[in-house]
Amino acid sequence: MVNEQRLKNLGINIKSERLRRSISQEKLAELTNISRNSVSLIETGKINPTILKVIDIANALNVEVSTLIENI
């Protein structure tokens, strides 16, 4: 249960940063070389992205990884 909440928090952080920058899920998927469906699953906490993918997402959103993993 704890891990599920941690994944949800990660997803919330990613979605918040994506929306703050007015980037669509499709554009984020393109920038990170993953599917839009995977972006959606990450943002809803349904899948656990690798640390390398979190780094790719942070780079695409131009934020520090620490911003995305805050409150996890």
C-alpha atoms as a PDB file:
ATOM      1  CA  MET A   1       0.000   0.000   0.000  1.00  0.00           C
ATOM      2  CA  VAL A   2       2.831   2.404   0.814  1.00  0.00           C
ATOM      3  CA  ASN A   3       4.481   1.814  -2.567  1.00  0.00           C
ATOM      4  CA  GLU A   4       1.191   2.422  -4.364  1.00  0.00           C
ATOM      5  CA  GLN A   5       0.872   5.821  -2.706  1.00  0.00           C
ATOM      6  CA  ARG A   6       4.471   6.653  -3.550  1.00  0.00           C
ATOM      7  CA  LEU A   7       3.842   5.878  -7.220  1.00  0.00           C
ATOM      8  CA  LYS A   8       0.705   8.019  -7.144  1.00  0.00           C
ATOM      9  CA  ASN A   9       2.688  10.912  -5.650  1.00  0.00           C
ATOM     10  CA  LEU A  10       5.324  10.561  -8.364  1.00  0.00           C
ATOM     11  CA  GLY A  11       2.600  10.635 -10.992  1.00  0.00           C
ATOM     12  CA  ILE A  12       0.993  13.702  -9.455  1.00  0.00           C
ATOM     13  CA  ASN A  13       4.348  15.497  -9.448  1.00  0.00           C
ATOM     14  CA  ILE A  14       5.018  14.616 -13.080  1.00  0.00           C
ATOM     15  CA  LYS A  15       1.541  15.649 -14.184  1.00  0.00           C
ATOM     16  CA  SER A  16       1.736  18.921 -12.252  1.00  0.00           C
ATOM     17  CA  GLU A  17       5.051  19.851 -13.862  1.00  0.00           C
ATOM     18  CA  ARG A  18       3.804  18.809 -17.296  1.00  0.00           C
ATOM     19  CA  LEU A  19       0.674  20.927 -16.977  1.00  0.00           C
ATOM     20  CA  ARG A  20       2.646  23.856 -15.547  1.00  0.00           C
ATOM     21  CA  ARG A  21       4.617  23.859 -18.789  1.00  0.00           C
ATOM     22  CA  SER A  22       1.544  23.337 -20.992  1.00  0.00           C
ATOM     23  CA  ILE A  23       2.949  20.114 -22.411  1.00  0.00           C
ATOM     24  CA  SER A  24       0.533  17.429 -23.565  1.00  0.00           C
ATOM     25  CA  GLN A  25       0.963  13.773 -22.708  1.00  0.00           C
ATOM     26  CA  GLU A  26       1.613  13.179 -26.399  1.00  0.00           C
ATOM     27  CA  LYS A  27       4.435  15.734 -26.474  1.00  0.00           C
ATOM     28  CA  LEU A  28       5.994  14.360 -23.269  1.00  0.00           C
ATOM     29  CA  ALA A  29       5.818  10.866 -24.751  1.00  0.00           C
ATOM     30  CA  GLU A  30       7.566  12.096 -27.876  1.00  0.00           C
ATOM     31  CA  LEU A  31      10.277  13.882 -25.868  1.00  0.00           C
ATOM     32  CA  THR A  32      10.955  10.814 -23.720  1.00  0.00           C
ATOM     33  CA  ASN A  33      10.531   8.128 -26.377  1.00  0.00           C
ATOM     34  CA  ILE A  34       7.709   6.325 -24.576  1.00  0.00           C
ATOM     35  CA  SER A  35       4.070   5.863 -25.524  1.00  0.00           C
ATOM     36  CA  ARG A  36       1.354   8.305 -24.516  1.00  0.00           C
ATOM     37  CA  ASN A  37      -0.356   5.417 -22.776  1.00  0.00           C
ATOM     38  CA  SER A  38       2.776   4.840 -20.667  1.00  0.00           C
ATOM     39  CA  VAL A  39       2.838   8.530 -19.721  1.00  0.00           C
ATOM     40  CA  SER A  40      -0.775   8.201 -18.609  1.00  0.00           C
ATOM     41  CA  LEU A  41      -0.021   5.068 -16.580  1.00  0.00           C
ATOM     42  CA  ILE A  42       2.953   6.751 -14.914  1.00  0.00           C
ATOM     43  CA  GLU A  43       0.901   9.839 -14.073  1.00  0.00           C
ATOM     44  CA  THR A  44      -1.824   7.728 -12.494  1.00  0.00           C
ATOM     45  CA  GLY A  45       0.653   5.636 -10.508  1.00  0.00           C
ATOM     46  CA  LYS A  46      -0.242   2.403 -12.263  1.00  0.00           C
ATOM     47  CA  ILE A  47       3.275   1.589 -13.431  1.00  0.00           C
ATOM     48  CA  ASN A  48       6.677   2.071 -11.862  1.00  0.00           C
ATOM     49  CA  PRO A  49       9.045   3.846 -14.267  1.00  0.00           C
ATOM     50  CA  THR A  50      12.747   3.099 -14.139  1.00  0.00           C
ATOM     51  CA  ILE A  51      15.021   5.733 -12.663  1.00  0.00           C
ATOM     52  CA  LEU A  52      16.392   6.314 -16.155  1.00  0.00           C
ATOM     53  CA  LYS A  53      12.886   7.090 -17.407  1.00  0.00           C
ATOM     54  CA  VAL A  54      12.314   9.473 -14.486  1.00  0.00           C
ATOM     55  CA  ILE A  55      15.541  11.232 -15.479  1.00  0.00           C
ATOM     56  CA  ASP A  56      14.333  11.438 -19.095  1.00  0.00           C
ATOM     57  CA  ILE A  57      11.022  12.913 -17.924  1.00  0.00           C
ATOM     58  CA  ALA A  58      12.789  15.432 -15.695  1.00  0.00           C
ATOM     59  CA  ASN A  59      15.020  16.479 -18.593  1.00  0.00           C
ATOM     60  CA  ALA A  60      12.036  16.814 -20.941  1.00  0.00           C
ATOM     61  CA  LEU A  61      10.233  18.979 -18.376  1.00  0.00           C
ATOM     62  CA  ASN A  62      13.414  20.927 -17.600  1.00  0.00           C
ATOM     63  CA  VAL A  63      13.192  20.208 -13.867  1.00  0.00           C
ATOM     64  CA  GLU A  64      15.437  18.495 -11.360  1.00  0.00           C
ATOM     65  CA  VAL A  65      14.694  14.855 -10.572  1.00  0.00           C
ATOM     66  CA  SER A  66      14.285  15.941  -6.951  1.00  0.00           C
ATOM     67  CA  THR A  67      11.245  17.979  -7.992  1.00  0.00           C
ATOM     68  CA  LEU A  68       9.575  14.878  -9.388  1.00  0.00           C
ATOM     69  CA  ILE A  69      10.361  12.666  -6.402  1.00  0.00           C
ATOM     70  CA  GLU A  70       9.327  15.194  -3.768  1.00  0.00           C
ATOM     71  CA  ASN A  71       7.017  13.682  -1.106  1.00  0.00           C
ATOM     72  CA  ILE A  72       7.741  10.137  -2.186  1.00  0.00           C
END
